Amino acid sequence: MDQKKAENKISSIIASALKNHQEVQIKKLGTIKVQHRNQQQEQDKSGRVFLTPPADIITFLPEK
């Protein structure tokens, strides 16, 4: 298997796991996981209040 095919296979495995909200742990590198961010109310400098929609975000925690 050449390098490009291996990279594509690894990427698809990671993407599939994250879509199912599973953590991906890579030894000596870290953990990739999906976290849910709730809707938030924010205020800009002019005083206008607006809402940010809820979202799922991908986070990376490096191994120590």
PDB file of N, CA and C in Angstrom:
ATOM      1  N   MET A   1       0.858  -1.173   0.000  1.00  0.00           N
ATOM      2  CA  MET A   1       0.000   0.000   0.000  1.00  0.00           C
ATOM      3  C   MET A   1       0.905   1.237   0.000  1.00  0.00           C
ATOM      4  N   ASP A   2       0.654   2.141  -0.924  1.00  0.00           N
ATOM      5  CA  ASP A   2       1.489   3.336  -0.960  1.00  0.00           C
ATOM      6  C   ASP A   2       1.034   4.348   0.092  1.00  0.00           C
ATOM      7  N   GLN A   3       1.824   5.364   0.291  1.00  0.00           N
ATOM      8  CA  GLN A   3       1.598   6.326   1.370  1.00  0.00           C
ATOM      9  C   GLN A   3       0.260   7.046   1.217  1.00  0.00           C
ATOM     10  N   LYS A   4      -0.100   7.457   0.017  1.00  0.00           N
ATOM     11  CA  LYS A   4      -1.340   8.194  -0.202  1.00  0.00           C
ATOM     12  C   LYS A   4      -2.554   7.347   0.155  1.00  0.00           C
ATOM     13  N   LYS A   5      -2.544   6.069  -0.232  1.00  0.00           N
ATOM     14  CA  LYS A   5      -3.650   5.174   0.103  1.00  0.00           C
ATOM     15  C   LYS A   5      -3.742   4.963   1.610  1.00  0.00           C
ATOM     16  N   ALA A   6      -2.593   4.838   2.264  1.00  0.00           N
ATOM     17  CA  ALA A   6      -2.579   4.658   3.720  1.00  0.00           C
ATOM     18  C   ALA A   6      -3.134   5.893   4.415  1.00  0.00           C
ATOM     19  N   GLU A   7      -2.736   7.082   3.956  1.00  0.00           N
ATOM     20  CA  GLU A   7      -3.252   8.330   4.540  1.00  0.00           C
ATOM     21  C   GLU A   7      -4.764   8.425   4.368  1.00  0.00           C
ATOM     22  N   ASN A   8      -5.260   8.086   3.188  1.00  0.00           N
ATOM     23  CA  ASN A   8      -6.699   8.134   2.935  1.00  0.00           C
ATOM     24  C   ASN A   8      -7.451   7.150   3.817  1.00  0.00           C
ATOM     25  N   LYS A   9      -6.906   5.957   4.004  1.00  0.00           N
ATOM     26  CA  LYS A   9      -7.544   4.941   4.840  1.00  0.00           C
ATOM     27  C   LYS A   9      -7.601   5.393   6.305  1.00  0.00           C
ATOM     28  N   ILE A  10      -6.496   5.922   6.807  1.00  0.00           N
ATOM     29  CA  ILE A  10      -6.454   6.413   8.188  1.00  0.00           C
ATOM     30  C   ILE A  10      -7.431   7.559   8.375  1.00  0.00           C
ATOM     31  N   SER A  11      -7.462   8.490   7.414  1.00  0.00           N
ATOM     32  CA  SER A  11      -8.387   9.629   7.488  1.00  0.00           C
ATOM     33  C   SER A  11      -9.833   9.170   7.521  1.00  0.00           C
ATOM     34  N   SER A  12     -10.174   8.183   6.706  1.00  0.00           N
ATOM     35  CA  SER A  12     -11.558   7.710   6.676  1.00  0.00           C
ATOM     36  C   SER A  12     -11.935   6.997   7.974  1.00  0.00           C
ATOM     37  N   ILE A  13     -10.989   6.278   8.569  1.00  0.00           N
ATOM     38  CA  ILE A  13     -11.255   5.605   9.848  1.00  0.00           C
ATOM     39  C   ILE A  13     -11.495   6.642  10.949  1.00  0.00           C
ATOM     40  N   ILE A  14     -10.663   7.662  11.002  1.00  0.00           N
ATOM     41  CA  ILE A  14     -10.819   8.721  12.007  1.00  0.00           C
ATOM     42  C   ILE A  14     -12.130   9.463  11.796  1.00  0.00           C
ATOM     43  N   ALA A  15     -12.444   9.828  10.554  1.00  0.00           N
ATOM     44  CA  ALA A  15     -13.681  10.558  10.258  1.00  0.00           C
ATOM     45  C   ALA A  15     -14.911   9.740  10.646  1.00  0.00           C
ATOM     46  N   SER A  16     -14.879   8.456  10.354  1.00  0.00           N
ATOM     47  CA  SER A  16     -15.998   7.582  10.693  1.00  0.00           C
ATOM     48  C   SER A  16     -16.213   7.510  12.204  1.00  0.00           C
ATOM     49  N   ALA A  17     -15.136   7.380  12.948  1.00  0.00           N
ATOM     50  CA  ALA A  17     -15.241   7.316  14.411  1.00  0.00           C
ATOM     51  C   ALA A  17     -15.784   8.625  14.974  1.00  0.00           C
ATOM     52  N   LEU A  18     -15.305   9.753  14.469  1.00  0.00           N
ATOM     53  CA  LEU A  18     -15.763  11.046  14.969  1.00  0.00           C
ATOM     54  C   LEU A  18     -17.231  11.294  14.630  1.00  0.00           C
ATOM     55  N   LYS A  19     -17.689  10.832  13.477  1.00  0.00           N
ATOM     56  CA  LYS A  19     -19.101  10.969  13.120  1.00  0.00           C
ATOM     57  C   LYS A  19     -19.987  10.229  14.101  1.00  0.00           C
ATOM     58  N   ASN A  20     -19.463   9.143  14.667  1.00  0.00           N
ATOM     59  CA  ASN A  20     -20.206   8.358  15.659  1.00  0.00           C
ATOM     60  C   ASN A  20     -19.908   8.808  17.087  1.00  0.00           C
ATOM     61  N   HIS A  21     -19.288   9.974  17.231  1.00  0.00           N
ATOM     62  CA  HIS A  21     -18.941  10.574  18.527  1.00  0.00           C
ATOM     63  C   HIS A  21     -18.072   9.648  19.382  1.00  0.00           C
ATOM     64  N   GLN A  22     -17.142   8.951  18.735  1.00  0.00           N
ATOM     65  CA  GLN A  22     -16.192   8.103  19.446  1.00  0.00           C
ATOM     66  C   GLN A  22     -14.852   8.823  19.519  1.00  0.00           C
ATOM     67  N   GLU A  23     -14.123   8.590  20.600  1.00  0.00           N
ATOM     68  CA  GLU A  23     -12.777   9.147  20.734  1.00  0.00           C
ATOM     69  C   GLU A  23     -11.803   8.349  19.881  1.00  0.00           C
ATOM     70  N   VAL A  24     -10.792   9.043  19.359  1.00  0.00           N
ATOM     71  CA  VAL A  24      -9.725   8.390  18.620  1.00  0.00           C
ATOM     72  C   VAL A  24      -8.424   8.671  19.360  1.00  0.00           C
ATOM     73  N   GLN A  25      -7.800   7.621  19.872  1.00  0.00           N
ATOM     74  CA  GLN A  25      -6.539   7.772  20.595  1.00  0.00           C
ATOM     75  C   GLN A  25      -5.403   7.261  19.723  1.00  0.00           C
ATOM     76  N   ILE A  26      -4.400   8.116  19.548  1.00  0.00           N
ATOM     77  CA  ILE A  26      -3.229   7.749  18.764  1.00  0.00           C
ATOM     78  C   ILE A  26      -2.035   7.769  19.713  1.00  0.00           C
ATOM     79  N   LYS A  27      -1.414   6.615  19.913  1.00  0.00           N
ATOM     80  CA  LYS A  27      -0.309   6.512  20.863  1.00  0.00           C
ATOM     81  C   LYS A  27       0.798   7.494  20.518  1.00  0.00           C
ATOM     82  N   LYS A  28       1.348   8.102  21.540  1.00  0.00           N
ATOM     83  CA  LYS A  28       2.448   9.062  21.464  1.00  0.00           C
ATOM     84  C   LYS A  28       2.096  10.316  20.677  1.00  0.00           C
ATOM     85  N   LEU A  29       0.800  10.529  20.407  1.00  0.00           N
ATOM     86  CA  LEU A  29       0.371  11.738  19.721  1.00  0.00           C
ATOM     87  C   LEU A  29      -0.713  12.442  20.524  1.00  0.00           C
ATOM     88  N   GLY A  30      -1.854  11.789  20.739  1.00  0.00           N
ATOM     89  CA  GLY A  30      -2.911  12.397  21.522  1.00  0.00           C
ATOM     90  C   GLY A  30      -4.272  11.807  21.209  1.00  0.00           C
ATOM     91  N   THR A  31      -5.313  12.521  21.649  1.00  0.00           N
ATOM     92  CA  THR A  31      -6.685  12.077  21.500  1.00  0.00           C
ATOM     93  C   THR A  31      -7.482  13.116  20.722  1.00  0.00           C
ATOM     94  N   ILE A  32      -8.266  12.635  19.765  1.00  0.00           N
ATOM     95  CA  ILE A  32      -9.155  13.479  18.992  1.00  0.00           C
ATOM     96  C   ILE A  32     -10.571  13.077  19.379  1.00  0.00           C
ATOM     97  N   LYS A  33     -11.415  14.069  19.706  1.00  0.00           N
ATOM     98  CA  LYS A  33     -12.787  13.739  20.071  1.00  0.00           C
ATOM     99  C   LYS A  33     -13.725  14.882  19.702  1.00  0.00           C
ATOM    100  N   VAL A  34     -15.022  14.572  19.701  1.00  0.00           N
ATOM    101  CA  VAL A  34     -16.055  15.548  19.392  1.00  0.00           C
ATOM    102  C   VAL A  34     -16.675  16.004  20.703  1.00  0.00           C
ATOM    103  N   GLN A  35     -16.793  17.319  20.866  1.00  0.00           N
ATOM    104  CA  GLN A  35     -17.460  17.875  22.039  1.00  0.00           C
ATOM    105  C   GLN A  35     -18.640  18.715  21.570  1.00  0.00           C
ATOM    106  N   HIS A  36     -19.714  18.681  22.309  1.00  0.00           N
ATOM    107  CA  HIS A  36     -20.890  19.472  21.967  1.00  0.00           C
ATOM    108  C   HIS A  36     -20.808  20.816  22.693  1.00  0.00           C
ATOM    109  N   ARG A  37     -21.007  21.867  21.942  1.00  0.00           N
ATOM    110  CA  ARG A  37     -21.040  23.213  22.532  1.00  0.00           C
ATOM    111  C   ARG A  37     -22.495  23.679  22.500  1.00  0.00           C
ATOM    112  N   ASN A  38     -23.038  24.045  23.658  1.00  0.00           N
ATOM    113  CA  ASN A  38     -24.412  24.511  23.752  1.00  0.00           C
ATOM    114  C   ASN A  38     -24.563  25.909  23.155  1.00  0.00           C
ATOM    115  N   GLN A  39     -25.803  26.286  22.925  1.00  0.00           N
ATOM    116  CA  GLN A  39     -26.091  27.632  22.443  1.00  0.00           C
ATOM    117  C   GLN A  39     -25.617  28.639  23.489  1.00  0.00           C
ATOM    118  N   GLN A  40     -25.005  29.722  23.018  1.00  0.00           N
ATOM    119  CA  GLN A  40     -24.497  30.727  23.945  1.00  0.00           C
ATOM    120  C   GLN A  40     -24.998  32.109  23.557  1.00  0.00           C
ATOM    121  N   GLN A  41     -25.165  32.944  24.552  1.00  0.00           N
ATOM    122  CA  GLN A  41     -25.556  34.326  24.335  1.00  0.00           C
ATOM    123  C   GLN A  41     -24.311  35.185  24.475  1.00  0.00           C
ATOM    124  N   GLU A  42     -24.060  36.032  23.487  1.00  0.00           N
ATOM    125  CA  GLU A  42     -22.883  36.894  23.516  1.00  0.00           C
ATOM    126  C   GLU A  42     -23.297  38.330  23.254  1.00  0.00           C
ATOM    127  N   GLN A  43     -22.415  39.237  23.646  1.00  0.00           N
ATOM    128  CA  GLN A  43     -22.682  40.661  23.458  1.00  0.00           C
ATOM    129  C   GLN A  43     -21.459  41.293  22.803  1.00  0.00           C
ATOM    130  N   ASP A  44     -21.691  42.076  21.723  1.00  0.00           N
ATOM    131  CA  ASP A  44     -20.565  42.729  21.068  1.00  0.00           C
ATOM    132  C   ASP A  44     -20.300  44.097  21.708  1.00  0.00           C
ATOM    133  N   LYS A  45     -19.308  44.823  21.206  1.00  0.00           N
ATOM    134  CA  LYS A  45     -18.894  46.094  21.809  1.00  0.00           C
ATOM    135  C   LYS A  45     -19.986  47.153  21.774  1.00  0.00           C
ATOM    136  N   SER A  46     -20.875  47.090  20.797  1.00  0.00           N
ATOM    137  CA  SER A  46     -21.947  48.090  20.694  1.00  0.00           C
ATOM    138  C   SER A  46     -23.113  47.771  21.624  1.00  0.00           C
ATOM    139  N   GLY A  47     -23.084  46.623  22.272  1.00  0.00           N
ATOM    140  CA  GLY A  47     -24.129  46.259  23.217  1.00  0.00           C
ATOM    141  C   GLY A  47     -25.181  45.337  22.635  1.00  0.00           C
ATOM    142  N   ARG A  48     -25.077  45.032  21.344  1.00  0.00           N
ATOM    143  CA  ARG A  48     -26.040  44.121  20.738  1.00  0.00           C
ATOM    144  C   ARG A  48     -25.830  42.714  21.285  1.00  0.00           C
ATOM    145  N   VAL A  49     -26.914  42.035  21.550  1.00  0.00           N
ATOM    146  CA  VAL A  49     -26.868  40.667  22.067  1.00  0.00           C
ATOM    147  C   VAL A  49     -27.239  39.726  20.922  1.00  0.00           C
ATOM    148  N   PHE A  50     -26.487  38.671  20.766  1.00  0.00           N
ATOM    149  CA  PHE A  50     -26.791  37.685  19.744  1.00  0.00           C
ATOM    150  C   PHE A  50     -26.506  36.292  20.277  1.00  0.00           C
ATOM    151  N   LEU A  51     -27.107  35.311  19.628  1.00  0.00           N
ATOM    152  CA  LEU A  51     -26.955  33.919  20.043  1.00  0.00           C
ATOM    153  C   LEU A  51     -26.062  33.184  19.055  1.00  0.00           C
ATOM    154  N   THR A  52     -25.162  32.369  19.591  1.00  0.00           N
ATOM    155  CA  THR A  52     -24.390  31.474  18.748  1.00  0.00           C
ATOM    156  C   THR A  52     -25.080  30.114  18.803  1.00  0.00           C
ATOM    157  N   PRO A  53     -25.289  29.489  17.672  1.00  0.00           N
ATOM    158  CA  PRO A  53     -26.013  28.213  17.661  1.00  0.00           C
ATOM    159  C   PRO A  53     -25.204  27.086  18.292  1.00  0.00           C
ATOM    160  N   PRO A  54     -25.894  26.053  18.766  1.00  0.00           N
ATOM    161  CA  PRO A  54     -25.166  24.894  19.290  1.00  0.00           C
ATOM    162  C   PRO A  54     -24.383  24.231  18.165  1.00  0.00           C
ATOM    163  N   ALA A  55     -23.272  23.608  18.511  1.00  0.00           N
ATOM    164  CA  ALA A  55     -22.430  22.981  17.493  1.00  0.00           C
ATOM    165  C   ALA A  55     -21.593  21.871  18.105  1.00  0.00           C
ATOM    166  N   ASP A  56     -21.240  20.925  17.274  1.00  0.00           N
ATOM    167  CA  ASP A  56     -20.276  19.893  17.652  1.00  0.00           C
ATOM    168  C   ASP A  56     -18.919  20.339  17.120  1.00  0.00           C
ATOM    169  N   ILE A  57     -17.909  20.339  17.987  1.00  0.00           N
ATOM    170  CA  ILE A  57     -16.571  20.761  17.580  1.00  0.00           C
ATOM    171  C   ILE A  57     -15.586  19.621  17.820  1.00  0.00           C
ATOM    172  N   ILE A  58     -14.560  19.575  17.002  1.00  0.00           N
ATOM    173  CA  ILE A  58     -13.528  18.556  17.135  1.00  0.00           C
ATOM    174  C   ILE A  58     -12.379  19.144  17.954  1.00  0.00           C
ATOM    175  N   THR A  59     -11.964  18.419  18.988  1.00  0.00           N
ATOM    176  CA  THR A  59     -10.873  18.880  19.838  1.00  0.00           C
ATOM    177  C   THR A  59      -9.733  17.868  19.804  1.00  0.00           C
ATOM    178  N   PHE A  60      -8.540  18.365  20.030  1.00  0.00           N
ATOM    179  CA  PHE A  60      -7.345  17.513  20.075  1.00  0.00           C
ATOM    180  C   PHE A  60      -6.640  17.756  21.390  1.00  0.00           C
ATOM    181  N   LEU A  61      -6.386  16.693  22.133  1.00  0.00           N
ATOM    182  CA  LEU A  61      -5.666  16.774  23.394  1.00  0.00           C
ATOM    183  C   LEU A  61      -4.338  16.033  23.210  1.00  0.00           C
ATOM    184  N   PRO A  62      -3.219  16.773  23.181  1.00  0.00           N
ATOM    185  CA  PRO A  62      -1.929  16.099  22.978  1.00  0.00           C
ATOM    186  C   PRO A  62      -1.570  15.218  24.164  1.00  0.00           C
ATOM    187  N   GLU A  63      -0.865  14.141  23.883  1.00  0.00           N
ATOM    188  CA  GLU A  63      -0.413  13.253  24.941  1.00  0.00           C
ATOM    189  C   GLU A  63       0.765  13.903  25.661  1.00  0.00           C
ATOM    190  N   LYS A  64       0.817  13.720  26.959  1.00  0.00           N
ATOM    191  CA  LYS A  64       1.900  14.328  27.742  1.00  0.00           C
ATOM    192  C   LYS A  64       3.066  13.405  27.859  1.00  0.00           C
TER     193      LYS A  64
END
